[in-house]
C-alpha cells in the first residue's frame, strides 16, 4: 500500500452534506467525519444513493468546500454508508487548524 501524501486525524465532527443523488434529486443531510486531513475526509452517514465521482458540498462550522467522492463503502459491509472524499478546492481546509504532520492525534474537535 502506498503511503498517504498527508496524515489523517481520527475525529468525529458533525458536517452538513449537500449534493445531487444518483436519481438527480438534490439532498442535504447531516453526517459525521471518521477521519480528516487537509485535502480530504472519510464520512459516516452519507446517503446510500450518491455515486462515486459525484461532487458534493461539505459544510463545517460555517466553512464550505466542494469534495469529490472517491470511494463508497459497500452495502452490507462495515464501511456501509461511509464515503472517502477529496477536496477540490486547493488551499481550502474547512476543518480549521490541524496539527503538524509530525504530531498525529487521535481526537480533534
PDB file of N, CA and C in Angstrom:
ATOM      1  N   UNK A   1       0.848  -1.181   0.000  1.00  0.00           N
ATOM      2  CA  UNK A   1       0.000   0.000   0.000  1.00  0.00           C
ATOM      3  C   UNK A   1       0.888   1.237   0.000  1.00  0.00           C
ATOM      4  N   UNK A   2       0.567   2.191  -0.842  1.00  0.00           N
ATOM      5  CA  UNK A   2       1.340   3.426  -0.932  1.00  0.00           C
ATOM      6  C   UNK A   2       1.079   4.302   0.285  1.00  0.00           C
ATOM      7  N   UNK A   3       2.092   5.071   0.656  1.00  0.00           N
ATOM      8  CA  UNK A   3       1.897   5.970   1.793  1.00  0.00           C
ATOM      9  C   UNK A   3       1.026   7.145   1.371  1.00  0.00           C
ATOM     10  N   UNK A   4       0.316   7.690   2.296  1.00  0.00           N
ATOM     11  CA  UNK A   4      -0.588   8.813   2.030  1.00  0.00           C
ATOM     12  C   UNK A   4       0.222  10.104   1.955  1.00  0.00           C
ATOM     13  N   UNK A   5      -0.224  11.048   1.125  1.00  0.00           N
ATOM     14  CA  UNK A   5       0.522  12.299   0.969  1.00  0.00           C
ATOM     15  C   UNK A   5       0.441  13.206   2.192  1.00  0.00           C
ATOM     16  N   UNK A   6      -0.526  12.980   3.056  1.00  0.00           N
ATOM     17  CA  UNK A   6      -0.679  13.794   4.258  1.00  0.00           C
ATOM     18  C   UNK A   6      -1.311  12.950   5.354  1.00  0.00           C
ATOM     19  N   UNK A   7      -1.059  13.291   6.601  1.00  0.00           N
ATOM     20  CA  UNK A   7      -1.612  12.477   7.692  1.00  0.00           C
ATOM     21  C   UNK A   7      -3.118  12.666   7.840  1.00  0.00           C
ATOM     22  N   UNK A   8      -3.748  11.624   8.346  1.00  0.00           N
ATOM     23  CA  UNK A   8      -5.165  11.675   8.687  1.00  0.00           C
ATOM     24  C   UNK A   8      -5.282  11.759  10.200  1.00  0.00           C
ATOM     25  N   UNK A   9      -6.346  12.425  10.637  1.00  0.00           N
ATOM     26  CA  UNK A   9      -6.598  12.566  12.063  1.00  0.00           C
ATOM     27  C   UNK A   9      -7.976  11.992  12.360  1.00  0.00           C
ATOM     28  N   UNK A  10      -8.011  11.037  13.251  1.00  0.00           N
ATOM     29  CA  UNK A  10      -9.262  10.394  13.625  1.00  0.00           C
ATOM     30  C   UNK A  10     -10.074  11.343  14.499  1.00  0.00           C
ATOM     31  N   UNK A  11     -11.262  11.701  14.026  1.00  0.00           N
ATOM     32  CA  UNK A  11     -12.112  12.613  14.779  1.00  0.00           C
ATOM     33  C   UNK A  11     -13.546  12.493  14.297  1.00  0.00           C
ATOM     34  N   UNK A  12     -14.462  12.815  15.167  1.00  0.00           N
ATOM     35  CA  UNK A  12     -15.891  12.767  14.827  1.00  0.00           C
ATOM     36  C   UNK A  12     -16.443  14.190  14.889  1.00  0.00           C
ATOM     37  N   UNK A  13     -16.617  14.789  13.717  1.00  0.00           N
ATOM     38  CA  UNK A  13     -17.159  16.136  13.593  1.00  0.00           C
ATOM     39  C   UNK A  13     -18.471  16.063  12.820  1.00  0.00           C
ATOM     40  N   UNK A  14     -19.458  16.818  13.257  1.00  0.00           N
ATOM     41  CA  UNK A  14     -20.731  16.875  12.537  1.00  0.00           C
ATOM     42  C   UNK A  14     -20.588  17.821  11.348  1.00  0.00           C
ATOM     43  N   UNK A  15     -21.043  17.374  10.184  1.00  0.00           N
ATOM     44  CA  UNK A  15     -20.976  18.174   8.965  1.00  0.00           C
ATOM     45  C   UNK A  15     -22.330  18.136   8.258  1.00  0.00           C
ATOM     46  N   UNK A  16     -22.557  19.108   7.402  1.00  0.00           N
ATOM     47  CA  UNK A  16     -23.737  19.144   6.539  1.00  0.00           C
ATOM     48  C   UNK A  16     -23.272  18.766   5.139  1.00  0.00           C
ATOM     49  N   UNK A  17     -23.939  17.786   4.532  1.00  0.00           N
ATOM     50  CA  UNK A  17     -23.601  17.309   3.192  1.00  0.00           C
ATOM     51  C   UNK A  17     -24.712  17.741   2.237  1.00  0.00           C
ATOM     52  N   UNK A  18     -24.333  18.341   1.118  1.00  0.00           N
ATOM     53  CA  UNK A  18     -25.299  18.751   0.089  1.00  0.00           C
ATOM     54  C   UNK A  18     -24.830  18.257  -1.263  1.00  0.00           C
ATOM     55  N   UNK A  19     -25.782  17.855  -2.077  1.00  0.00           N
ATOM     56  CA  UNK A  19     -25.436  17.407  -3.418  1.00  0.00           C
ATOM     57  C   UNK A  19     -26.652  16.948  -4.174  1.00  0.00           C
ATOM     58  N   UNK A  20     -26.388  16.150  -5.199  1.00  0.00           N
ATOM     59  CA  UNK A  20     -27.439  15.564  -6.023  1.00  0.00           C
ATOM     60  C   UNK A  20     -27.241  14.057  -5.983  1.00  0.00           C
ATOM     61  N   UNK A  21     -28.321  13.311  -5.706  1.00  0.00           N
ATOM     62  CA  UNK A  21     -28.199  11.856  -5.593  1.00  0.00           C
ATOM     63  C   UNK A  21     -28.171  11.189  -6.974  1.00  0.00           C
ATOM     64  N   UNK A  22     -28.080   9.864  -6.977  1.00  0.00           N
ATOM     65  CA  UNK A  22     -27.994   9.086  -8.215  1.00  0.00           C
ATOM     66  C   UNK A  22     -29.213   9.251  -9.110  1.00  0.00           C
ATOM     67  N   UNK A  23     -30.327   9.681  -8.532  1.00  0.00           N
ATOM     68  CA  UNK A  23     -31.569   9.845  -9.287  1.00  0.00           C
ATOM     69  C   UNK A  23     -31.767  11.287  -9.762  1.00  0.00           C
ATOM     70  N   UNK A  24     -30.795  12.144  -9.498  1.00  0.00           N
ATOM     71  CA  UNK A  24     -30.877  13.531  -9.926  1.00  0.00           C
ATOM     72  C   UNK A  24     -31.621  14.442  -8.965  1.00  0.00           C
ATOM     73  N   UNK A  25     -31.916  13.955  -7.755  1.00  0.00           N
ATOM     74  CA  UNK A  25     -32.636  14.748  -6.762  1.00  0.00           C
ATOM     75  C   UNK A  25     -31.655  15.417  -5.797  1.00  0.00           C
ATOM     76  N   UNK A  26     -31.850  16.709  -5.541  1.00  0.00           N
ATOM     77  CA  UNK A  26     -30.982  17.376  -4.561  1.00  0.00           C
ATOM     78  C   UNK A  26     -31.241  16.842  -3.151  1.00  0.00           C
ATOM     79  N   UNK A  27     -30.198  16.798  -2.356  1.00  0.00           N
ATOM     80  CA  UNK A  27     -30.347  16.371  -0.960  1.00  0.00           C
ATOM     81  C   UNK A  27     -29.452  17.228  -0.086  1.00  0.00           C
ATOM     82  N   UNK A  28     -29.769  17.244   1.181  1.00  0.00           N
ATOM     83  CA  UNK A  28     -28.883  17.782   2.206  1.00  0.00           C
ATOM     84  C   UNK A  28     -29.179  17.023   3.477  1.00  0.00           C
ATOM     85  N   UNK A  29     -28.141  16.651   4.176  1.00  0.00           N
ATOM     86  CA  UNK A  29     -28.295  15.909   5.420  1.00  0.00           C
ATOM     87  C   UNK A  29     -27.036  16.033   6.252  1.00  0.00           C
ATOM     88  N   UNK A  30     -27.159  15.702   7.518  1.00  0.00           N
ATOM     89  CA  UNK A  30     -26.008  15.697   8.408  1.00  0.00           C
ATOM     90  C   UNK A  30     -25.287  14.362   8.314  1.00  0.00           C
ATOM     91  N   UNK A  31     -23.981  14.405   8.508  1.00  0.00           N
ATOM     92  CA  UNK A  31     -23.142  13.212   8.574  1.00  0.00           C
ATOM     93  C   UNK A  31     -22.026  13.520   9.564  1.00  0.00           C
ATOM     94  N   UNK A  32     -21.153  12.551   9.791  1.00  0.00           N
ATOM     95  CA  UNK A  32     -20.044  12.712  10.725  1.00  0.00           C
ATOM     96  C   UNK A  32     -18.747  12.248  10.088  1.00  0.00           C
ATOM     97  N   UNK A  33     -17.661  12.940  10.426  1.00  0.00           N
ATOM     98  CA  UNK A  33     -16.362  12.506   9.933  1.00  0.00           C
ATOM     99  C   UNK A  33     -15.888  11.303  10.751  1.00  0.00           C
ATOM    100  N   UNK A  34     -15.136  10.441  10.087  1.00  0.00           N
ATOM    101  CA  UNK A  34     -14.404   9.361  10.765  1.00  0.00           C
ATOM    102  C   UNK A  34     -12.953   9.783  10.923  1.00  0.00           C
ATOM    103  N   UNK A  35     -12.421  10.357   9.846  1.00  0.00           N
ATOM    104  CA  UNK A  35     -11.083  10.932   9.888  1.00  0.00           C
ATOM    105  C   UNK A  35     -11.010  12.068   8.876  1.00  0.00           C
ATOM    106  N   UNK A  36     -10.060  12.957   9.095  1.00  0.00           N
ATOM    107  CA  UNK A  36      -9.916  14.141   8.248  1.00  0.00           C
ATOM    108  C   UNK A  36      -8.446  14.378   7.933  1.00  0.00           C
ATOM    109  N   UNK A  37      -8.217  15.113   6.854  1.00  0.00           N
ATOM    110  CA  UNK A  37      -6.881  15.596   6.508  1.00  0.00           C
ATOM    111  C   UNK A  37      -7.080  16.938   5.817  1.00  0.00           C
ATOM    112  N   UNK A  38      -6.002  17.609   5.495  1.00  0.00           N
ATOM    113  CA  UNK A  38      -6.131  18.904   4.818  1.00  0.00           C
ATOM    114  C   UNK A  38      -6.838  18.768   3.474  1.00  0.00           C
ATOM    115  N   UNK A  39      -6.658  17.658   2.799  1.00  0.00           N
ATOM    116  CA  UNK A  39      -7.206  17.504   1.456  1.00  0.00           C
ATOM    117  C   UNK A  39      -8.341  16.518   1.306  1.00  0.00           C
ATOM    118  N   UNK A  40      -8.868  16.017   2.413  1.00  0.00           N
ATOM    119  CA  UNK A  40      -9.942  15.041   2.275  1.00  0.00           C
ATOM    120  C   UNK A  40     -10.555  14.654   3.596  1.00  0.00           C
ATOM    121  N   UNK A  41     -11.437  13.665   3.517  1.00  0.00           N
ATOM    122  CA  UNK A  41     -12.121  13.176   4.714  1.00  0.00           C
ATOM    123  C   UNK A  41     -12.758  11.830   4.414  1.00  0.00           C
ATOM    124  N   UNK A  42     -13.057  11.121   5.473  1.00  0.00           N
ATOM    125  CA  UNK A  42     -13.901   9.926   5.376  1.00  0.00           C
ATOM    126  C   UNK A  42     -15.124  10.218   6.226  1.00  0.00           C
ATOM    127  N   UNK A  43     -16.306  10.107   5.608  1.00  0.00           N
ATOM    128  CA  UNK A  43     -17.552  10.407   6.297  1.00  0.00           C
ATOM    129  C   UNK A  43     -18.327   9.147   6.596  1.00  0.00           C
ATOM    130  N   UNK A  44     -19.095   9.199   7.671  1.00  0.00           N
ATOM    131  CA  UNK A  44     -20.042   8.146   8.023  1.00  0.00           C
ATOM    132  C   UNK A  44     -21.426   8.771   8.035  1.00  0.00           C
ATOM    133  N   UNK A  45     -22.405   8.069   7.480  1.00  0.00           N
ATOM    134  CA  UNK A  45     -23.767   8.589   7.428  1.00  0.00           C
ATOM    135  C   UNK A  45     -24.074   9.291   6.125  1.00  0.00           C
ATOM    136  N   UNK A  46     -23.318   8.965   5.088  1.00  0.00           N
ATOM    137  CA  UNK A  46     -23.571   9.577   3.784  1.00  0.00           C
ATOM    138  C   UNK A  46     -24.759   8.889   3.121  1.00  0.00           C
ATOM    139  N   UNK A  47     -25.426   9.581   2.220  1.00  0.00           N
ATOM    140  CA  UNK A  47     -26.563   8.965   1.534  1.00  0.00           C
ATOM    141  C   UNK A  47     -26.123   7.739   0.745  1.00  0.00           C
ATOM    142  N   UNK A  48     -26.912   6.712   0.771  1.00  0.00           N
ATOM    143  CA  UNK A  48     -26.581   5.478   0.052  1.00  0.00           C
ATOM    144  C   UNK A  48     -26.757   5.634  -1.449  1.00  0.00           C
ATOM    145  N   UNK A  49     -27.366   6.721  -1.872  1.00  0.00           N
ATOM    146  CA  UNK A  49     -27.669   6.882  -3.293  1.00  0.00           C
ATOM    147  C   UNK A  49     -26.793   7.935  -3.973  1.00  0.00           C
ATOM    148  N   UNK A  50     -25.591   8.174  -3.437  1.00  0.00           N
ATOM    149  CA  UNK A  50     -24.662   9.050  -4.154  1.00  0.00           C
ATOM    150  C   UNK A  50     -23.718   8.177  -4.964  1.00  0.00           C
ATOM    151  N   UNK A  51     -23.234   8.735  -6.040  1.00  0.00           N
ATOM    152  CA  UNK A  51     -22.344   7.999  -6.937  1.00  0.00           C
ATOM    153  C   UNK A  51     -20.891   8.314  -6.655  1.00  0.00           C
ATOM    154  N   UNK A  52     -20.048   7.322  -6.898  1.00  0.00           N
ATOM    155  CA  UNK A  52     -18.625   7.588  -6.865  1.00  0.00           C
ATOM    156  C   UNK A  52     -18.333   8.607  -7.956  1.00  0.00           C
ATOM    157  N   UNK A  53     -17.460   9.549  -7.707  1.00  0.00           N
ATOM    158  CA  UNK A  53     -17.091  10.651  -8.599  1.00  0.00           C
ATOM    159  C   UNK A  53     -18.080  11.812  -8.522  1.00  0.00           C
ATOM    160  N   UNK A  54     -19.138  11.705  -7.720  1.00  0.00           N
ATOM    161  CA  UNK A  54     -20.061  12.828  -7.539  1.00  0.00           C
ATOM    162  C   UNK A  54     -19.330  13.960  -6.833  1.00  0.00           C
ATOM    163  N   UNK A  55     -19.749  15.175  -7.092  1.00  0.00           N
ATOM    164  CA  UNK A  55     -19.214  16.342  -6.401  1.00  0.00           C
ATOM    165  C   UNK A  55     -20.269  16.804  -5.407  1.00  0.00           C
ATOM    166  N   UNK A  56     -19.859  16.899  -4.143  1.00  0.00           N
ATOM    167  CA  UNK A  56     -20.767  17.310  -3.076  1.00  0.00           C
ATOM    168  C   UNK A  56     -20.153  18.484  -2.323  1.00  0.00           C
ATOM    169  N   UNK A  57     -20.989  19.167  -1.573  1.00  0.00           N
ATOM    170  CA  UNK A  57     -20.502  20.260  -0.737  1.00  0.00           C
ATOM    171  C   UNK A  57     -20.543  19.803   0.712  1.00  0.00           C
ATOM    172  N   UNK A  58     -19.468  20.076   1.434  1.00  0.00           N
ATOM    173  CA  UNK A  58     -19.401  19.787   2.864  1.00  0.00           C
ATOM    174  C   UNK A  58     -19.313  21.113   3.589  1.00  0.00           C
ATOM    175  N   UNK A  59     -20.118  21.259   4.629  1.00  0.00           N
ATOM    176  CA  UNK A  59     -20.086  22.470   5.451  1.00  0.00           C
ATOM    177  C   UNK A  59     -19.784  22.062   6.887  1.00  0.00           C
ATOM    178  N   UNK A  60     -18.845  22.803   7.490  1.00  0.00           N
ATOM    179  CA  UNK A  60     -18.484  22.575   8.893  1.00  0.00           C
ATOM    180  C   UNK A  60     -18.218  23.923   9.543  1.00  0.00           C
ATOM    181  N   UNK A  61     -18.991  24.241  10.562  1.00  0.00           N
ATOM    182  CA  UNK A  61     -18.834  25.497  11.312  1.00  0.00           C
ATOM    183  C   UNK A  61     -18.736  26.730  10.417  1.00  0.00           C
ATOM    184  N   UNK A  62     -19.638  26.823   9.464  1.00  0.00           N
ATOM    185  CA  UNK A  62     -19.694  27.996   8.600  1.00  0.00           C
ATOM    186  C   UNK A  62     -18.732  27.986   7.429  1.00  0.00           C
ATOM    187  N   UNK A  63     -17.836  27.016   7.370  1.00  0.00           N
ATOM    188  CA  UNK A  63     -16.904  26.903   6.244  1.00  0.00           C
ATOM    189  C   UNK A  63     -17.445  25.859   5.275  1.00  0.00           C
ATOM    190  N   UNK A  64     -17.245  26.100   3.989  1.00  0.00           N
ATOM    191  CA  UNK A  64     -17.740  25.186   2.956  1.00  0.00           C
ATOM    192  C   UNK A  64     -16.660  24.907   1.937  1.00  0.00           C
ATOM    193  N   UNK A  65     -16.726  23.703   1.378  1.00  0.00           N
ATOM    194  CA  UNK A  65     -15.831  23.355   0.273  1.00  0.00           C
ATOM    195  C   UNK A  65     -16.484  22.237  -0.533  1.00  0.00           C
ATOM    196  N   UNK A  66     -16.084  22.165  -1.803  1.00  0.00           N
ATOM    197  CA  UNK A  66     -16.571  21.092  -2.678  1.00  0.00           C
ATOM    198  C   UNK A  66     -15.594  19.912  -2.599  1.00  0.00           C
ATOM    199  N   UNK A  67     -16.171  18.711  -2.572  1.00  0.00           N
ATOM    200  CA  UNK A  67     -15.395  17.479  -2.487  1.00  0.00           C
ATOM    201  C   UNK A  67     -15.868  16.497  -3.549  1.00  0.00           C
ATOM    202  N   UNK A  68     -14.940  15.698  -4.028  1.00  0.00           N
ATOM    203  CA  UNK A  68     -15.263  14.615  -4.960  1.00  0.00           C
ATOM    204  C   UNK A  68     -15.325  13.314  -4.170  1.00  0.00           C
ATOM    205  N   UNK A  69     -16.352  12.513  -4.416  1.00  0.00           N
ATOM    206  CA  UNK A  69     -16.484  11.202  -3.779  1.00  0.00           C
ATOM    207  C   UNK A  69     -15.531  10.256  -4.511  1.00  0.00           C
ATOM    208  N   UNK A  70     -14.523   9.734  -3.798  1.00  0.00           N
ATOM    209  CA  UNK A  70     -13.535   8.860  -4.435  1.00  0.00           C
ATOM    210  C   UNK A  70     -13.787   7.383  -4.148  1.00  0.00           C
ATOM    211  N   UNK A  71     -14.527   7.083  -3.104  1.00  0.00           N
ATOM    212  CA  UNK A  71     -14.956   5.708  -2.871  1.00  0.00           C
ATOM    213  C   UNK A  71     -16.183   5.700  -1.962  1.00  0.00           C
ATOM    214  N   UNK A  72     -16.953   4.632  -2.074  1.00  0.00           N
ATOM    215  CA  UNK A  72     -18.163   4.445  -1.271  1.00  0.00           C
ATOM    216  C   UNK A  72     -18.091   3.056  -0.662  1.00  0.00           C
ATOM    217  N   UNK A  73     -18.381   2.953   0.637  1.00  0.00           N
ATOM    218  CA  UNK A  73     -18.385   1.655   1.304  1.00  0.00           C
ATOM    219  C   UNK A  73     -19.465   0.749   0.748  1.00  0.00           C
ATOM    220  N   UNK A  74     -19.143  -0.521   0.611  1.00  0.00           N
ATOM    221  CA  UNK A  74     -20.071  -1.480   0.023  1.00  0.00           C
ATOM    222  C   UNK A  74     -21.242  -1.815   0.935  1.00  0.00           C
ATOM    223  N   UNK A  75     -22.391  -2.013   0.327  1.00  0.00           N
ATOM    224  CA  UNK A  75     -23.602  -2.379   1.060  1.00  0.00           C
ATOM    225  C   UNK A  75     -23.372  -3.702   1.800  1.00  0.00           C
ATOM    226  N   UNK A  76     -23.764  -3.752   3.051  1.00  0.00           N
ATOM    227  CA  UNK A  76     -23.624  -4.968   3.844  1.00  0.00           C
ATOM    228  C   UNK A  76     -22.245  -5.151   4.466  1.00  0.00           C
ATOM    229  N   UNK A  77     -21.349  -4.175   4.281  1.00  0.00           N
ATOM    230  CA  UNK A  77     -20.020  -4.265   4.873  1.00  0.00           C
ATOM    231  C   UNK A  77     -19.931  -3.317   6.071  1.00  0.00           C
ATOM    232  N   UNK A  78     -18.836  -3.399   6.796  1.00  0.00           N
ATOM    233  CA  UNK A  78     -18.619  -2.498   7.936  1.00  0.00           C
ATOM    234  C   UNK A  78     -18.469  -1.049   7.485  1.00  0.00           C
ATOM    235  N   UNK A  79     -18.175  -0.831   6.212  1.00  0.00           N
ATOM    236  CA  UNK A  79     -17.995   0.514   5.686  1.00  0.00           C
ATOM    237  C   UNK A  79     -19.252   1.061   5.000  1.00  0.00           C
ATOM    238  N   UNK A  80     -20.355   0.345   5.096  1.00  0.00           N
ATOM    239  CA  UNK A  80     -21.617   0.796   4.507  1.00  0.00           C
ATOM    240  C   UNK A  80     -21.963   2.191   5.032  1.00  0.00           C
ATOM    241  N   UNK A  81     -22.418   3.067   4.165  1.00  0.00           N
ATOM    242  CA  UNK A  81     -22.792   4.458   4.479  1.00  0.00           C
ATOM    243  C   UNK A  81     -21.571   5.332   4.761  1.00  0.00           C
ATOM    244  N   UNK A  82     -20.374   4.842   4.416  1.00  0.00           N
ATOM    245  CA  UNK A  82     -19.184   5.675   4.510  1.00  0.00           C
ATOM    246  C   UNK A  82     -18.721   6.048   3.107  1.00  0.00           C
ATOM    247  N   UNK A  83     -18.034   7.184   3.020  1.00  0.00           N
ATOM    248  CA  UNK A  83     -17.512   7.632   1.735  1.00  0.00           C
ATOM    249  C   UNK A  83     -16.179   8.334   1.952  1.00  0.00           C
ATOM    250  N   UNK A  84     -15.269   8.122   1.036  1.00  0.00           N
ATOM    251  CA  UNK A  84     -13.987   8.815   1.037  1.00  0.00           C
ATOM    252  C   UNK A  84     -14.072  10.011   0.105  1.00  0.00           C
ATOM    253  N   UNK A  85     -13.593  11.151   0.566  1.00  0.00           N
ATOM    254  CA  UNK A  85     -13.722  12.393  -0.179  1.00  0.00           C
ATOM    255  C   UNK A  85     -12.377  13.060  -0.415  1.00  0.00           C
ATOM    256  N   UNK A  86     -12.256  13.727  -1.558  1.00  0.00           N
ATOM    257  CA  UNK A  86     -11.064  14.505  -1.886  1.00  0.00           C
ATOM    258  C   UNK A  86     -11.507  15.938  -2.130  1.00  0.00           C
ATOM    259  N   UNK A  87     -10.866  16.891  -1.454  1.00  0.00           N
ATOM    260  CA  UNK A  87     -11.214  18.297  -1.609  1.00  0.00           C
ATOM    261  C   UNK A  87     -10.825  18.788  -2.999  1.00  0.00           C
ATOM    262  N   UNK A  88     -11.735  19.508  -3.636  1.00  0.00           N
ATOM    263  CA  UNK A  88     -11.496  20.037  -4.977  1.00  0.00           C
ATOM    264  C   UNK A  88     -10.995  21.467  -4.967  1.00  0.00           C
ATOM    265  N   UNK A  89     -10.947  22.082  -3.805  1.00  0.00           N
ATOM    266  CA  UNK A  89     -10.549  23.481  -3.706  1.00  0.00           C
ATOM    267  C   UNK A  89      -9.190  23.571  -3.018  1.00  0.00           C
ATOM    268  N   UNK A  90      -8.157  23.757  -3.828  1.00  0.00           N
ATOM    269  CA  UNK A  90      -6.802  23.770  -3.283  1.00  0.00           C
ATOM    270  C   UNK A  90      -6.637  24.905  -2.278  1.00  0.00           C
ATOM    271  N   UNK A  91      -5.950  24.596  -1.223  1.00  0.00           N
ATOM    272  CA  UNK A  91      -5.707  25.581  -0.178  1.00  0.00           C
ATOM    273  C   UNK A  91      -6.863  25.768   0.786  1.00  0.00           C
ATOM    274  N   UNK A  92      -7.972  25.107   0.544  1.00  0.00           N
ATOM    275  CA  UNK A  92      -9.161  25.263   1.389  1.00  0.00           C
ATOM    276  C   UNK A  92      -9.203  24.119   2.407  1.00  0.00           C
ATOM    277  N   UNK A  93      -9.175  24.460   3.681  1.00  0.00           N
ATOM    278  CA  UNK A  93      -9.286  23.448   4.742  1.00  0.00           C
ATOM    279  C   UNK A  93     -10.406  23.884   5.679  1.00  0.00           C
ATOM    280  N   UNK A  94     -11.544  23.232   5.566  1.00  0.00           N
ATOM    281  CA  UNK A  94     -12.709  23.639   6.357  1.00  0.00           C
ATOM    282  C   UNK A  94     -12.633  23.171   7.803  1.00  0.00           C
ATOM    283  N   UNK A  95     -11.634  22.385   8.141  1.00  0.00           N
ATOM    284  CA  UNK A  95     -11.539  21.812   9.488  1.00  0.00           C
ATOM    285  C   UNK A  95     -10.887  22.753  10.487  1.00  0.00           C
ATOM    286  N   UNK A  96     -10.380  23.869  10.033  1.00  0.00           N
ATOM    287  CA  UNK A  96      -9.671  24.758  10.946  1.00  0.00           C
ATOM    288  C   UNK A  96      -8.220  24.340  11.036  1.00  0.00           C
ATOM    289  N   UNK A  97      -7.592  24.642  12.154  1.00  0.00           N
ATOM    290  CA  UNK A  97      -6.173  24.340  12.334  1.00  0.00           C
ATOM    291  C   UNK A  97      -5.978  22.853  12.597  1.00  0.00           C
ATOM    292  N   UNK A  98      -5.135  22.202  11.800  1.00  0.00           N
ATOM    293  CA  UNK A  98      -4.767  20.810  12.031  1.00  0.00           C
ATOM    294  C   UNK A  98      -3.348  20.773  12.566  1.00  0.00           C
ATOM    295  N   UNK A  99      -3.033  19.811  13.407  1.00  0.00           N
ATOM    296  CA  UNK A  99      -1.672  19.718  13.951  1.00  0.00           C
ATOM    297  C   UNK A  99      -0.637  19.478  12.849  1.00  0.00           C
ATOM    298  N   UNK A 100       0.602  19.745  13.161  1.00  0.00           N
ATOM    299  CA  UNK A 100       1.696  19.492  12.230  1.00  0.00           C
ATOM    300  C   UNK A 100       1.771  18.000  11.934  1.00  0.00           C
ATOM    301  N   UNK A 101       2.221  17.610  10.740  1.00  0.00           N
ATOM    302  CA  UNK A 101       2.294  16.207  10.368  1.00  0.00           C
ATOM    303  C   UNK A 101       3.093  15.339  11.335  1.00  0.00           C
ATOM    304  N   UNK A 102       4.045  15.910  12.046  1.00  0.00           N
ATOM    305  CA  UNK A 102       4.866  15.117  12.965  1.00  0.00           C
ATOM    306  C   UNK A 102       4.153  14.843  14.286  1.00  0.00           C
ATOM    307  N   UNK A 103       2.991  15.410  14.480  1.00  0.00           N
ATOM    308  CA  UNK A 103       2.267  15.237  15.752  1.00  0.00           C
ATOM    309  C   UNK A 103       0.850  14.731  15.528  1.00  0.00           C
ATOM    310  N   UNK A 104       0.696  13.478  14.984  1.00  0.00           N
ATOM    311  CA  UNK A 104      -0.650  12.970  14.770  1.00  0.00           C
ATOM    312  C   UNK A 104      -1.406  12.829  16.094  1.00  0.00           C
ATOM    313  N   UNK A 105      -2.684  12.969  16.014  1.00  0.00           N
ATOM    314  CA  UNK A 105      -3.507  12.871  17.218  1.00  0.00           C
ATOM    315  C   UNK A 105      -4.670  11.931  16.982  1.00  0.00           C
ATOM    316  N   UNK A 106      -5.303  11.495  18.038  1.00  0.00           N
ATOM    317  CA  UNK A 106      -6.422  10.584  17.899  1.00  0.00           C
ATOM    318  C   UNK A 106      -7.760  11.255  18.131  1.00  0.00           C
ATOM    319  N   UNK A 107      -7.734  12.461  18.632  1.00  0.00           N
ATOM    320  CA  UNK A 107      -9.003  13.183  18.883  1.00  0.00           C
ATOM    321  C   UNK A 107      -8.809  14.648  18.545  1.00  0.00           C
ATOM    322  N   UNK A 108      -9.721  15.187  17.757  1.00  0.00           N
ATOM    323  CA  UNK A 108      -9.650  16.591  17.350  1.00  0.00           C
ATOM    324  C   UNK A 108     -11.049  17.146  17.352  1.00  0.00           C
ATOM    325  N   UNK A 109     -11.255  18.339  17.913  1.00  0.00           N
ATOM    326  CA  UNK A 109     -12.603  18.912  17.909  1.00  0.00           C
ATOM    327  C   UNK A 109     -12.558  20.376  17.568  1.00  0.00           C
TER     328      UNK A 109
END
